[in-house]
Every structure is written in structure tokens, then in C-alpha cells.
Amino acid sequence: MRIEFNALGPAMYLDDHLTRPFGSIPELVHVTAAVRPTQPALILDGHTLTYAELDELIGRVASSLQRDGLRQGQAVAACASTSFEYVALFLGVLRAGGLMTPLPPSATPQNLSAMLANSGATILFLDQACARQWSTDDQAAAGLKRVWLDNSCGGATDWSDWVATDAPPTPVFPEPHWPFNLIYSSGTTGTPKGIVQPCSMRWAHVQRAATNGYGPDTIMLASTPLYSNTTLVALLPTLALGGTVILMSKFDTRRYLELAQQHRVTHTMLVPVQYQRLMDDPHFDAFDLSSFVAKFSTSAPFGATLKAEVLRRWPGRLTEIYGMTEGGGRCELEAHNYPHKLHTIGRPASGHDIRLIDEQGREVSPGETGEIVGSSAAMMEGYFGMPEKTREVEWFDAKGKRFIRTGDIGRYDEDGFLILSDRKKDMVISGGFNIYPSDLEAELNQHPSVRESAVVGVPSRQWGETPVAYVVLRPQTTITAEALLGWLNARVGKTQRLADLLLVESLPRSEIGKVLKRQLREEYSTKN
């Protein structure tokens, strides 16, 4: 792609550019660096990186990768904490024509090695925090070049030495079908799979962000890890559109609120558990959050009660986004416009075709429940090196249109809003009856002593499966597990009754807030 500057100014130029069917995020960063060089691009721990500085660093990364022989579409892996260098690496890989592969430091060493081996990366960027839990001395890392993002090696493979070049990178002109990044699934349901997101998919995210109010005046607070797609769907469009990103190394409610007030933040992307923790902070209402234009949530179920509380106490629009890292269908609930629909995940976004199918792959009738499948311009190419797994999540309609299966169960209400029931894999089949854990969780969460709950299915000799609940109580409550179990079972149908209820201090979660139900099932099986 060739950039031609004009006198329209950054905002108008970007508007003009976004009308094109495809573009390059690193090149848009280059545009802002030329037009507004001193504009803050990134802020972390009190330090600022301007667009001119970020663009210069991206160029040196791209040049260094090309010097090391990076080929078009070749994977570059990173396993590290949040930093300026990490963001520059991500965009530099793209400018060089490579495939950025962010690995989650929170994964087990076995899963990290499996991801690295699957990616085929020949260079790995890491820091000491990652190295302490993953030695990278196994077969998967054999022969890989390692570069230390935190300059902790004291040698030629430190970031500052590796990136020390003034040679400009060879221009690369990406095509829509080129792979943009390789995002690995969380692994909460088994071995992680590499999701290949094409350049066209990320460009669609940029165009969507522009319609959601992102632009050169945006100040976006990012508090989730850089390897997470939850972060990337907000961070990358903000930088593409010339805004400023405030980075947090680790989420902390008080620090989040201080940064939001100090920098007059306008946009943020949070997972539901972060909203809950912010609402629970006793000092929340003391902070001035009037600068917020829009808040977004994704990645995990967002309870109606919590949405209502956020709407009441936090200025600005609130939009829940339902979708998958694999892409396909996306729903949006503009909670500020539809306060009577907070129990739903909204309606399909423009250009997104979302349908419901039964166990035989047939579309269900209006009002019936089925598995959610979606199709749009933002869809993964497939799981990297796993054609069989890719075929498992694809569904084609009678005309051959490709959809991605979500594994979620839902139904449309009379107004076309989608009501999410459960994950297909989490549905409990007890004595031949389908039990949706979310129904039981919603009932449990109505009890004044219950803060949150998770219901899972466990093996039962009598019923095949039976539901059990893990419950976190609110502070200063004294109800017993037996009393709460009796309360719940008296309110639900006979086939829905819990076989057991356990009180716990917290629910196990991934770093982006998803409850690890597989871990709960395994834990229960080992105890009983």
C-alpha cells in the first residue's frame, strides 16, 4: 500500500482512508507520525512514547527481522509482559510481512511449548518473568533465536542490541488474505489451537472502531494483557486511528480509576469481572469519570444486574460485544439504548449473519433454541496446522455460505435480540433432560448472600450427569451451603435440582475473566 499525504489533517485523512476496502495498520501509524509526530501513542507507568518514536521503533524492528531472514507469513513468537517494546514488536512484525504470534505467559509450560512448536516460529521474544516459569529448553525451542525484550540477558540478544539498526526496512505491501496474527485459544477446554486472523479481519476491526467513535482524540485505557484478543481489538484500532493508549502492566481497581481520572480517558475495553471489581471498589464513586465516551465489554458473560449498575454509576455509553476470536458472527448490545434488554447480548451487528442450528445442522424455527453460527467479513482462515479442527467449527448453509460454529446455545426473542443460554459443552444432560447451567447460576445469583456462582456437570451413576454449584458469598454473610442448596432446589424444576453445592472464596478464572469450568469439574471429580 502506498501512502500519499494530503492537507486534510489526520482525522479527515483517516476518514478518507477508511472508505477503502483494505489498508495497513502499521502504515496508518506512519501517517499519524508524519502528521502529528508529538502525539502520545503509548503511556505506561508514567512514561510516554510519541507516534514519531513508535513509528521509528517499528521501522527498526521490521528492518532487524528482515536482516535476520524473516520471510513473508513466517511466525514470530513473543511471550512477555506489557511494554512499549512488545507493541513495537507486534507492529514491526506486520511491517516486515511476518505473522505475529503472542503467547500467553499464564499458560502451562507444556502448552507454551505446544504453541511454539505448532507456530513454526524461528525467533522468540521473551522476558525474565516468562523465563522463570518456562525454561524454553525443550525440543520446541531448539534452534530458536531468543531476544530479551527487557534487556535482561546482558549480551547480543538483548532487545537494545538486536534492534540497533538505522537501515530502513524493505517495503512490504500486505494483501487482505495474508495472515495478520496467530492467536492461541485460552486452552480452558483442552489443548490450545492457533487461530489465524487474516489482515482483512483486523482491517474490519479498524473500520468498526471508527463507527464506534474511536479517532485521533481517543484516549483508551487498556488493562488486559497484550497477548489477548480482548486487548488487541481495542489497542490496534486506537493506534491505527491516531489515538492514545494508556497501558497497564497489571489490572488494579484503584490504579485503573486513578489513570482514568488523570488522563481523562474516553474509551475502555474490560471483561465483566473487571467491571464487577470496579463496582465493588468502595472509592469508585469518588473518582471523576465524566470524560468517558464509551465503554465496551467482551470475552465472558455479562450479567444483567451488573450492566444495570454500570449504567447507573459510570458515565458514557456501555456496549457489550459478543463474538469469538475465530470471528464469524458478532452481536452488540447498546445497553444505554436498550436498558430493558440487559438479559440479552443484543442484535447481530451490521454485515453479520447469525443463525441458529440444531444437532443435525439444520436451522431451527423462529423462537427455538439452537447453536449459534455466524458469518461476516471478519473470520479466521482456520486453525493453524489443524485442518480437521477447522472443519469441525465450520458450517455451510444450503447455498454454500461459510459460517463459524460458536459452541454457544441461544435463541432470538420477539424483537430479534439474542438470548445466550450456555456453552454447548457446558450443557448438562441429566436423565435425558438438557440442563443449562446459566439458568441455575441466574437463580443462585438472586440470593442476597451470593456474589457469583458457577454450575458444572459431573458424572452420575444414576443420571449420567448431574449439576453441582460452586458459590462465592458476599462479605459478612453467614448462610451455609446446605441452606443455600435447599433454597435453590425449592425454586427450580425437579430435573434442574443441584446434587451438591460448595462454598469457595473465589472461582478460578483465566486472565481475561473466563471461569475455568473444566478445572471445577476436574476438582470435583478428585474430591469425590
Protein backbone atom coordinates (compact mmCIF):
# COMPACT_ATOMS: atom_id res chain seq x y z
CA MET A 1 0.00 0.00 0.00
CA ARG A 2 1.35 3.41 -0.90
CA ILE A 3 0.60 6.32 1.42
CA GLU A 4 0.00 9.72 -0.15
CA PHE A 5 -0.17 12.65 2.23
CA ASN A 6 -2.60 15.48 1.71
CA ALA A 7 -3.73 18.60 3.54
CA LEU A 8 -6.86 17.12 5.05
CA GLY A 9 -5.39 16.70 8.52
CA PRO A 10 -5.24 13.41 10.43
CA ALA A 11 -8.90 12.91 11.25
CA MET A 12 -10.19 13.71 7.75
CA TYR A 13 -7.37 11.80 6.10
CA LEU A 14 -8.15 8.72 8.14
CA ASP A 15 -11.84 9.04 7.34
CA ASP A 16 -10.90 9.10 3.66
CA HIS A 17 -8.60 6.12 4.07
CA LEU A 18 -11.20 4.05 5.91
CA THR A 19 -13.56 4.20 2.95
CA ARG A 20 -11.10 1.99 1.06
CA PRO A 21 -11.74 -1.77 1.17
CA PHE A 22 -8.37 -2.55 2.76
CA GLY A 23 -5.42 -0.90 4.46
CA SER A 24 -2.41 -1.48 6.70
CA ILE A 25 -2.37 -0.66 10.42
CA PRO A 26 1.42 -0.05 10.63
CA GLU A 27 1.20 2.33 7.71
CA LEU A 28 -1.59 4.30 9.38
CA VAL A 29 0.68 4.65 12.42
CA HIS A 30 3.28 6.02 9.98
CA VAL A 31 0.74 8.55 8.71
CA THR A 32 -0.03 9.86 12.19
CA ALA A 33 3.71 10.02 12.95
CA ALA A 34 4.16 12.28 9.92
CA VAL A 35 1.16 14.49 10.61
CA ARG A 36 1.23 14.59 14.45
CA PRO A 37 4.71 13.41 15.46
CA THR A 38 4.49 14.54 19.10
CA GLN A 39 1.06 12.98 19.68
CA PRO A 40 1.33 10.46 22.55
CA ALA A 41 0.84 6.94 21.18
CA LEU A 42 1.51 4.90 24.31
CA ILE A 43 1.70 5.73 28.02
CA LEU A 44 2.92 3.18 30.58
CA ASP A 45 3.98 3.71 34.19
CA GLY A 46 4.35 7.45 33.69
CA HIS A 47 6.45 7.15 30.50
CA THR A 48 5.25 8.30 27.08
CA LEU A 49 6.10 7.11 23.58
CA THR A 50 5.10 9.54 20.83
CA TYR A 51 3.93 8.49 17.39
CA ALA A 52 7.23 9.60 15.88
CA GLU A 53 9.13 7.46 18.39
CA LEU A 54 6.81 4.48 17.95
CA ASP A 55 6.99 4.66 14.16
CA GLU A 56 10.79 4.87 14.24
CA LEU A 57 10.97 1.84 16.55
CA ILE A 58 8.53 -0.14 14.37
CA GLY A 59 10.78 0.54 11.38
CA ARG A 60 13.88 -0.68 13.22
CA VAL A 61 12.05 -3.86 14.31
CA ALA A 62 10.95 -4.57 10.74
CA SER A 63 14.47 -3.93 9.41
CA SER A 64 16.05 -6.18 12.06
CA LEU A 65 13.62 -9.00 11.29
CA GLN A 66 14.34 -8.74 7.57
CA ARG A 67 18.07 -8.71 8.35
CA ASP A 68 17.55 -11.99 10.23
CA GLY A 69 15.87 -13.52 7.20
CA LEU A 70 12.19 -13.28 8.08
CA ARG A 71 10.03 -14.46 5.19
CA GLN A 72 6.53 -13.29 4.31
CA GLY A 73 4.00 -15.09 6.50
CA GLN A 74 6.62 -16.57 8.84
CA ALA A 75 5.73 -16.62 12.54
CA VAL A 76 7.48 -14.52 15.17
CA ALA A 77 6.63 -15.54 18.74
CA ALA A 78 6.56 -13.42 21.88
CA CYS A 79 5.96 -14.41 25.49
CA ALA A 80 6.35 -11.39 27.73
CA SER A 81 4.71 -8.77 29.92
CA THR A 82 3.20 -5.50 28.71
CA SER A 83 5.77 -2.99 27.42
CA PHE A 84 6.42 -0.39 24.72
CA GLU A 85 8.79 -2.88 23.11
CA TYR A 86 6.05 -5.51 22.89
CA VAL A 87 3.71 -3.15 21.00
CA ALA A 88 6.51 -2.04 18.66
CA LEU A 89 7.43 -5.68 18.05
CA PHE A 90 3.84 -6.55 17.13
CA LEU A 91 3.58 -3.75 14.59
CA GLY A 92 7.16 -4.27 13.37
CA VAL A 93 6.45 -7.91 12.57
CA LEU A 94 3.49 -6.77 10.49
CA ARG A 95 5.50 -4.08 8.71
CA ALA A 96 8.07 -6.75 7.80
CA GLY A 97 5.35 -9.04 6.44
CA GLY A 98 5.56 -11.60 9.24
CA LEU A 99 2.96 -13.36 11.35
CA MET A 100 2.86 -12.08 14.94
CA THR A 101 2.30 -14.87 17.47
CA PRO A 102 1.65 -13.62 21.03
CA LEU A 103 1.89 -16.44 23.58
CA PRO A 104 0.13 -16.19 26.97
CA PRO A 105 2.65 -16.24 29.87
CA SER A 106 -0.14 -17.60 32.08
CA ALA A 107 -0.25 -20.88 30.12
CA THR A 108 1.44 -24.03 31.40
CA PRO A 109 4.98 -24.75 30.17
CA GLN A 110 3.61 -27.77 28.30
CA ASN A 111 1.02 -25.69 26.47
CA LEU A 112 3.53 -22.93 25.69
CA SER A 113 5.87 -25.47 24.14
CA ALA A 114 3.00 -26.94 22.13
CA MET A 115 2.01 -23.49 20.85
CA LEU A 116 5.57 -22.63 19.91
CA ALA A 117 6.04 -25.91 18.07
CA ASN A 118 2.75 -25.51 16.22
CA SER A 119 3.56 -21.94 15.13
CA GLY A 120 6.83 -22.85 13.41
CA ALA A 121 8.43 -19.65 14.73
CA THR A 122 12.21 -19.36 14.36
CA ILE A 123 12.63 -16.40 16.71
CA LEU A 124 11.22 -15.94 20.23
CA PHE A 125 10.98 -12.68 22.17
CA LEU A 126 10.65 -13.09 25.92
CA ASP A 127 11.45 -11.54 29.29
CA GLN A 128 12.61 -12.83 32.65
CA ALA A 129 9.06 -13.03 34.05
CA CYS A 130 8.22 -15.55 31.32
CA ALA A 131 11.52 -17.41 31.57
CA ARG A 132 11.03 -18.05 35.29
CA GLN A 133 8.10 -20.35 34.55
CA TRP A 134 9.07 -21.60 31.09
CA SER A 135 12.66 -22.63 30.57
CA THR A 136 12.30 -22.91 26.74
CA ASP A 137 14.97 -25.59 26.87
CA ASP A 138 12.73 -28.26 25.35
CA GLN A 139 12.61 -29.59 21.82
CA ALA A 140 10.07 -26.98 20.69
CA ALA A 141 12.57 -24.17 21.32
CA ALA A 142 15.62 -25.98 19.95
CA GLY A 143 17.44 -23.85 17.42
CA LEU A 144 15.31 -20.77 18.06
CA LYS A 145 16.90 -17.37 18.33
CA ARG A 146 15.91 -15.68 21.61
CA VAL A 147 15.71 -11.93 22.11
CA TRP A 148 15.14 -10.50 25.58
CA LEU A 149 12.60 -7.67 25.47
CA ASP A 150 13.61 -6.48 28.96
CA ASN A 151 17.36 -6.37 28.16
CA SER A 152 17.98 -8.93 30.91
CA CYS A 153 20.49 -11.12 29.06
CA GLY A 154 23.46 -8.76 29.10
CA GLY A 155 24.56 -9.83 25.63
CA ALA A 156 23.95 -9.57 21.90
CA THR A 157 20.43 -11.00 22.19
CA ASP A 158 19.18 -8.12 24.34
CA TRP A 159 16.48 -6.04 22.66
CA SER A 160 18.52 -2.82 22.56
CA ASP A 161 21.40 -4.56 20.73
CA TRP A 162 19.16 -6.61 18.44
CA VAL A 163 17.19 -3.60 17.26
CA ALA A 164 20.20 -1.27 16.85
CA THR A 165 19.98 -0.54 13.13
CA ASP A 166 19.36 2.58 11.10
CA ALA A 167 18.70 0.78 7.83
CA PRO A 168 15.13 1.31 6.59
CA PRO A 169 13.06 -1.85 6.09
CA THR A 170 12.25 -3.12 2.64
CA PRO A 171 8.67 -2.01 1.88
CA VAL A 172 6.05 -4.73 2.16
CA PHE A 173 2.58 -4.38 0.68
CA PRO A 174 0.18 -6.73 2.51
CA GLU A 175 -2.78 -8.37 0.85
CA PRO A 176 -6.16 -8.94 2.58
CA HIS A 177 -5.67 -12.73 2.71
CA TRP A 178 -2.23 -12.54 4.33
CA PRO A 179 -2.09 -13.79 7.92
CA PHE A 180 -2.01 -10.92 10.41
CA ASN A 181 -1.53 -12.73 13.69
CA LEU A 182 -1.74 -16.18 15.20
CA ILE A 183 -3.79 -16.08 18.42
CA TYR A 184 -3.92 -19.19 20.54
CA SER A 185 -7.12 -20.13 22.31
CA SER A 186 -7.05 -19.98 26.09
CA GLY A 187 -6.78 -23.72 26.44
CA THR A 188 -9.53 -23.74 29.09
CA THR A 189 -11.21 -26.66 27.30
CA GLY A 190 -8.16 -28.57 26.13
CA THR A 191 -5.04 -28.09 24.01
CA PRO A 192 -4.87 -24.51 22.65
CA LYS A 193 -5.48 -24.05 18.93
CA GLY A 194 -3.79 -21.39 16.80
CA ILE A 195 -6.35 -19.04 15.27
CA VAL A 196 -5.12 -17.43 12.05
CA GLN A 197 -6.67 -13.98 11.72
CA PRO A 198 -6.12 -12.53 8.24
CA CYS A 199 -5.23 -8.90 7.56
CA SER A 200 -8.76 -8.33 6.24
CA MET A 201 -10.22 -9.33 9.61
CA ARG A 202 -8.10 -6.83 11.56
CA TRP A 203 -8.91 -4.14 9.00
CA ALA A 204 -12.60 -4.81 9.60
CA HIS A 205 -11.93 -4.21 13.33
CA VAL A 206 -10.41 -0.81 12.49
CA GLN A 207 -13.41 0.16 10.39
CA ARG A 208 -15.75 -0.97 13.16
CA ALA A 209 -13.84 1.07 15.74
CA ALA A 210 -14.23 4.19 13.60
CA THR A 211 -18.01 3.76 13.70
CA ASN A 212 -17.81 3.31 17.50
CA GLY A 213 -16.26 6.72 17.99
CA TYR A 214 -12.54 5.90 18.01
CA GLY A 215 -10.32 8.55 16.42
CA PRO A 216 -7.33 10.88 16.93
CA ASP A 217 -8.84 12.29 20.13
CA THR A 218 -9.44 8.88 21.70
CA ILE A 219 -7.69 8.08 24.97
CA MET A 220 -8.10 4.35 25.52
CA LEU A 221 -7.25 2.62 28.80
CA ALA A 222 -6.04 -0.97 28.21
CA SER A 223 -5.85 -3.12 31.33
CA THR A 224 -5.80 -6.65 29.92
CA PRO A 225 -2.67 -8.46 28.62
CA LEU A 226 -1.26 -7.67 25.19
CA TYR A 227 -1.45 -11.31 24.05
CA SER A 228 -5.24 -11.28 24.49
CA ASN A 229 -7.54 -10.64 21.56
CA THR A 230 -9.72 -8.69 24.02
CA THR A 231 -6.91 -6.13 24.25
CA LEU A 232 -5.94 -6.18 20.59
CA VAL A 233 -9.44 -5.41 19.25
CA ALA A 234 -9.22 -2.07 21.09
CA LEU A 235 -5.49 -1.31 21.10
CA LEU A 236 -4.74 -1.85 17.41
CA PRO A 237 -7.66 0.27 16.09
CA THR A 238 -6.82 3.06 18.56
CA LEU A 239 -3.27 3.26 17.20
CA ALA A 240 -4.46 2.90 13.60
CA LEU A 241 -6.80 5.86 14.11
CA GLY A 242 -4.22 8.09 15.81
CA GLY A 243 -5.43 7.89 19.41
CA THR A 244 -3.55 7.40 22.66
CA VAL A 245 -3.37 4.11 24.56
CA ILE A 246 -2.79 4.03 28.32
CA LEU A 247 -1.28 0.64 29.16
CA MET A 248 -1.47 -1.16 32.50
CA SER A 249 1.05 -3.86 33.38
CA LYS A 250 -1.46 -5.42 35.75
CA PHE A 251 -5.09 -4.62 36.48
CA ASP A 252 -5.75 -2.98 39.83
CA THR A 253 -9.04 -1.22 40.52
CA ARG A 254 -7.59 1.79 42.37
CA ARG A 255 -4.82 2.30 39.83
CA TYR A 256 -7.31 1.95 36.96
CA LEU A 257 -9.52 4.65 38.45
CA GLU A 258 -6.57 6.94 39.08
CA LEU A 259 -5.36 6.61 35.49
CA ALA A 260 -8.86 7.12 34.09
CA GLN A 261 -9.28 10.34 36.04
CA GLN A 262 -5.73 11.63 35.46
CA HIS A 263 -5.68 11.13 31.69
CA ARG A 264 -9.36 11.94 31.04
CA VAL A 265 -9.88 8.56 29.42
CA THR A 266 -12.60 8.36 26.75
CA HIS A 267 -12.71 4.63 25.84
CA THR A 268 -12.02 1.32 27.52
CA MET A 269 -12.43 -2.40 26.91
CA LEU A 270 -12.99 -4.51 30.03
CA VAL A 271 -14.08 -8.04 30.76
CA PRO A 272 -17.11 -8.46 33.07
CA VAL A 273 -15.12 -9.50 36.15
CA GLN A 274 -13.21 -6.21 35.92
CA TYR A 275 -16.47 -4.26 35.87
CA GLN A 276 -17.56 -6.20 38.96
CA ARG A 277 -14.34 -5.43 40.81
CA LEU A 278 -14.57 -1.75 39.91
CA MET A 279 -18.18 -1.59 41.10
CA ASP A 280 -17.09 -3.27 44.36
CA ASP A 281 -14.31 -0.76 44.99
CA PRO A 282 -15.52 1.39 47.90
CA HIS A 283 -13.91 4.51 46.38
CA PHE A 284 -15.35 4.14 42.87
CA ASP A 285 -17.86 6.98 43.17
CA ALA A 286 -15.19 9.40 44.41
CA PHE A 287 -13.44 9.45 41.02
CA ASP A 288 -14.34 11.78 38.15
CA LEU A 289 -15.11 9.56 35.17
CA SER A 290 -17.14 12.12 33.25
CA SER A 291 -14.66 12.06 30.33
CA PHE A 292 -15.78 8.56 29.26
CA VAL A 293 -17.46 8.43 25.88
CA ALA A 294 -17.79 4.68 25.52
CA LYS A 295 -17.10 1.51 27.47
CA PHE A 296 -17.04 -1.98 25.96
CA SER A 297 -17.16 -5.49 27.35
CA THR A 298 -16.43 -8.86 25.81
CA SER A 299 -14.95 -12.34 26.38
CA ALA A 300 -17.30 -13.60 29.11
CA PRO A 301 -20.97 -13.47 30.16
CA PHE A 302 -22.01 -10.02 31.43
CA GLY A 303 -24.84 -10.27 33.95
CA ALA A 304 -27.90 -8.03 33.57
CA THR A 305 -27.67 -6.79 37.17
CA LEU A 306 -24.05 -5.76 36.71
CA LYS A 307 -24.81 -4.00 33.42
CA ALA A 308 -27.55 -2.02 35.16
CA GLU A 309 -25.18 -0.98 37.93
CA VAL A 310 -22.52 0.17 35.46
CA LEU A 311 -25.11 2.19 33.55
CA ARG A 312 -26.28 3.84 36.75
CA ARG A 313 -22.88 4.74 38.19
CA TRP A 314 -20.49 5.21 35.25
CA PRO A 315 -20.95 7.95 32.60
CA GLY A 316 -20.74 7.16 28.89
CA ARG A 317 -22.13 4.53 26.56
CA LEU A 318 -21.93 0.86 27.50
CA THR A 319 -21.75 -1.73 24.73
CA GLU A 320 -21.50 -5.47 25.20
CA ILE A 321 -19.85 -7.29 22.30
CA TYR A 322 -20.48 -10.98 21.75
CA GLY A 323 -18.14 -12.80 19.41
CA MET A 324 -15.22 -15.19 19.11
CA THR A 325 -11.52 -14.79 18.44
CA GLU A 326 -12.22 -17.02 15.43
CA GLY A 327 -14.57 -14.35 14.12
CA GLY A 328 -17.79 -15.04 12.28
CA GLY A 329 -20.85 -13.58 13.93
CA ARG A 330 -20.89 -10.63 16.31
CA CYS A 331 -23.74 -9.26 18.39
CA GLU A 332 -23.77 -5.87 20.05
CA LEU A 333 -25.96 -4.72 22.90
CA GLU A 334 -26.04 -0.96 23.30
CA ALA A 335 -27.05 -1.21 26.93
CA HIS A 336 -27.52 2.56 27.25
CA ASN A 337 -30.14 2.47 24.48
CA TYR A 338 -31.86 -0.77 25.47
CA PRO A 339 -31.98 -0.91 29.29
CA HIS A 340 -34.92 -3.33 29.04
CA LYS A 341 -32.78 -5.83 27.09
CA LEU A 342 -29.92 -6.28 29.53
CA HIS A 343 -30.64 -10.01 29.77
CA THR A 344 -29.68 -10.35 26.08
CA ILE A 345 -26.42 -10.00 24.14
CA GLY A 346 -28.02 -7.67 21.62
CA ARG A 347 -28.67 -7.97 17.91
CA PRO A 348 -26.36 -9.02 15.07
CA ALA A 349 -24.01 -6.22 14.05
CA SER A 350 -24.28 -4.74 10.57
CA GLY A 351 -22.93 -7.15 7.98
CA HIS A 352 -23.05 -10.12 10.36
CA ASP A 353 -25.25 -13.10 9.57
CA ILE A 354 -26.05 -15.05 12.75
CA ARG A 355 -28.23 -18.15 12.64
CA LEU A 356 -29.21 -20.99 14.98
CA ILE A 357 -28.88 -24.67 14.11
CA ASP A 358 -29.88 -27.94 15.76
CA GLU A 359 -27.80 -31.05 16.49
CA GLN A 360 -28.24 -32.22 12.88
CA GLY A 361 -27.01 -28.91 11.45
CA ARG A 362 -30.47 -27.73 10.37
CA GLU A 363 -31.65 -24.19 11.00
CA VAL A 364 -34.21 -24.04 13.81
CA SER A 365 -37.59 -22.35 13.62
CA PRO A 366 -38.10 -18.79 14.96
CA GLY A 367 -38.17 -18.72 18.75
CA GLU A 368 -36.44 -22.09 19.12
CA THR A 369 -33.11 -22.70 20.80
CA GLY A 370 -30.04 -23.74 18.81
CA GLU A 371 -26.30 -23.47 18.43
CA ILE A 372 -25.14 -20.03 17.31
CA VAL A 373 -23.26 -19.88 14.00
CA GLY A 374 -22.04 -16.69 12.33
CA SER A 375 -20.60 -15.34 9.10
CA SER A 376 -19.06 -11.95 8.31
CA ALA A 377 -16.09 -10.24 6.70
CA ALA A 378 -14.14 -10.79 9.94
CA MET A 379 -13.45 -14.53 10.02
CA MET A 380 -10.37 -16.62 10.72
CA GLU A 381 -8.70 -18.52 7.92
CA GLY A 382 -8.61 -21.59 10.16
CA TYR A 383 -6.70 -23.24 12.96
CA PHE A 384 -3.00 -23.24 12.14
CA GLY A 385 -1.86 -26.67 11.00
CA MET A 386 -5.14 -28.25 12.13
CA PRO A 387 -7.41 -28.72 9.09
CA GLU A 388 -9.56 -31.30 10.90
CA LYS A 389 -10.20 -28.94 13.81
CA THR A 390 -11.02 -26.17 11.33
CA ARG A 391 -13.62 -28.32 9.60
CA GLU A 392 -15.20 -29.13 12.98
CA VAL A 393 -16.11 -25.47 13.55
CA GLU A 394 -17.30 -24.70 10.03
CA TRP A 395 -20.93 -24.87 8.93
CA PHE A 396 -22.21 -24.15 5.44
CA ASP A 397 -25.75 -23.18 4.54
CA ALA A 398 -27.69 -24.54 1.57
CA LYS A 399 -26.01 -22.02 -0.74
CA GLY A 400 -22.51 -22.89 0.46
CA LYS A 401 -22.00 -19.80 2.60
CA ARG A 402 -19.35 -20.40 5.29
CA PHE A 403 -20.17 -19.89 8.97
CA ILE A 404 -18.17 -20.39 12.17
CA ARG A 405 -19.79 -22.53 14.88
CA THR A 406 -19.55 -20.88 18.30
CA GLY A 407 -20.47 -23.81 20.53
CA ASP A 408 -22.87 -21.43 22.31
CA ILE A 409 -26.58 -22.06 22.68
CA GLY A 410 -29.14 -19.29 22.31
CA ARG A 411 -32.48 -18.12 20.98
CA TYR A 412 -33.89 -14.93 19.49
CA ASP A 413 -36.62 -13.03 21.29
CA GLU A 414 -39.56 -11.39 19.53
CA ASP A 415 -37.51 -8.23 18.83
CA GLY A 416 -34.52 -10.01 17.28
CA PHE A 417 -32.30 -9.78 20.36
CA LEU A 418 -30.24 -12.89 21.04
CA ILE A 419 -30.52 -14.53 24.46
CA LEU A 420 -27.48 -16.61 25.34
CA SER A 421 -28.23 -19.85 27.16
CA ASP A 422 -24.91 -21.63 27.59
CA ARG A 423 -21.85 -23.13 26.07
CA LYS A 424 -22.84 -26.30 24.24
CA LYS A 425 -20.07 -28.20 26.01
CA ASP A 426 -21.26 -26.89 29.40
CA MET A 427 -24.83 -28.06 28.95
CA VAL A 428 -25.65 -30.85 31.40
CA ILE A 429 -27.68 -33.83 30.16
CA SER A 430 -29.18 -35.42 33.24
CA GLY A 431 -31.53 -38.36 32.84
CA GLY A 432 -32.11 -37.34 29.23
CA PHE A 433 -33.02 -33.74 30.14
CA ASN A 434 -30.99 -30.73 28.99
CA ILE A 435 -29.98 -28.50 31.91
CA TYR A 436 -28.48 -25.09 31.18
CA PRO A 437 -26.03 -24.05 33.94
CA SER A 438 -26.65 -20.36 33.22
CA ASP A 439 -30.29 -20.77 34.28
CA LEU A 440 -29.22 -22.16 37.64
CA GLU A 441 -26.50 -19.53 38.04
CA ALA A 442 -29.00 -16.76 37.35
CA GLU A 443 -31.30 -18.18 40.02
CA LEU A 444 -28.50 -18.58 42.56
CA ASN A 445 -27.26 -15.04 41.94
CA GLN A 446 -30.65 -13.67 43.01
CA HIS A 447 -29.97 -14.75 46.59
CA PRO A 448 -28.79 -11.73 48.63
CA SER A 449 -25.87 -13.70 50.07
CA VAL A 450 -24.48 -14.79 46.69
CA ARG A 451 -21.86 -12.73 44.90
CA GLU A 452 -21.25 -15.13 42.00
CA SER A 453 -21.67 -18.76 41.08
CA ALA A 454 -20.67 -21.42 38.58
CA VAL A 455 -22.61 -24.59 37.82
CA VAL A 456 -20.95 -27.57 36.17
CA GLY A 457 -22.00 -31.07 35.23
CA VAL A 458 -20.26 -34.02 36.91
CA PRO A 459 -20.59 -37.77 36.26
CA SER A 460 -23.50 -39.54 37.94
CA ARG A 461 -24.12 -43.28 38.01
CA GLN A 462 -27.88 -42.72 38.30
CA TRP A 463 -28.39 -39.83 35.86
CA GLY A 464 -25.33 -39.88 33.60
CA GLU A 465 -24.59 -36.30 34.60
CA THR A 466 -25.80 -34.11 37.43
CA PRO A 467 -25.29 -30.41 38.19
CA VAL A 468 -23.24 -29.10 41.11
CA ALA A 469 -22.59 -25.48 42.05
CA TYR A 470 -19.59 -23.52 43.27
CA VAL A 471 -20.64 -20.33 45.06
CA VAL A 472 -18.78 -17.23 46.25
CA LEU A 473 -20.66 -15.45 49.04
CA ARG A 474 -20.83 -11.73 49.64
CA PRO A 475 -18.80 -10.39 52.59
CA GLN A 476 -20.38 -10.59 56.05
CA THR A 477 -22.84 -13.34 55.12
CA THR A 478 -23.33 -16.50 57.18
CA ILE A 479 -25.59 -18.77 55.14
CA THR A 480 -24.47 -22.41 54.99
CA ALA A 481 -24.01 -24.47 51.86
CA GLU A 482 -26.84 -26.77 52.96
CA ALA A 483 -29.27 -23.88 53.45
CA LEU A 484 -28.40 -22.33 50.09
CA LEU A 485 -28.73 -25.69 48.35
CA GLY A 486 -32.19 -26.17 49.84
CA TRP A 487 -33.20 -22.63 48.87
CA LEU A 488 -32.16 -23.15 45.24
CA ASN A 489 -33.67 -26.62 44.83
CA ALA A 490 -37.01 -25.38 46.16
CA ARG A 491 -37.11 -22.76 43.37
CA VAL A 492 -36.23 -24.85 40.31
CA GLY A 493 -37.79 -27.75 38.49
CA LYS A 494 -37.22 -31.29 39.66
CA THR A 495 -34.88 -32.12 36.79
CA GLN A 496 -32.80 -28.99 37.48
CA ARG A 497 -32.03 -29.62 41.13
CA LEU A 498 -28.42 -29.47 42.23
CA ALA A 499 -26.78 -32.58 43.60
CA ASP A 500 -24.25 -30.57 45.58
CA LEU A 501 -23.21 -27.01 46.40
CA LEU A 502 -19.79 -25.89 47.58
CA LEU A 503 -18.82 -22.55 49.06
CA VAL A 504 -15.48 -21.21 47.82
CA GLU A 505 -13.53 -17.99 48.30
CA SER A 506 -13.18 -17.40 44.54
CA LEU A 507 -13.79 -19.01 41.17
CA PRO A 508 -10.80 -19.97 39.02
CA ARG A 509 -10.53 -17.67 36.01
CA SER A 510 -8.34 -17.09 33.00
CA GLU A 511 -6.52 -13.77 32.77
CA ILE A 512 -9.39 -12.33 30.73
CA GLY A 513 -12.01 -13.36 33.26
CA LYS A 514 -13.45 -16.60 31.89
CA VAL A 515 -14.47 -19.05 34.60
CA LEU A 516 -12.42 -22.23 34.17
CA LYS A 517 -15.28 -24.72 34.38
CA ARG A 518 -13.13 -27.60 33.21
CA GLN A 519 -10.94 -27.02 36.26
CA LEU A 520 -14.01 -27.06 38.53
CA ARG A 521 -15.21 -30.33 37.02
CA GLU A 522 -11.79 -31.92 37.48
CA GLU A 523 -11.54 -30.58 41.03
CA TYR A 524 -14.92 -32.03 41.97
CA SER A 525 -14.04 -35.41 40.47
CA THR A 526 -10.85 -35.65 42.52
CA LYS A 527 -12.66 -34.77 45.76
CA ASN A 528 -15.49 -37.27 45.35
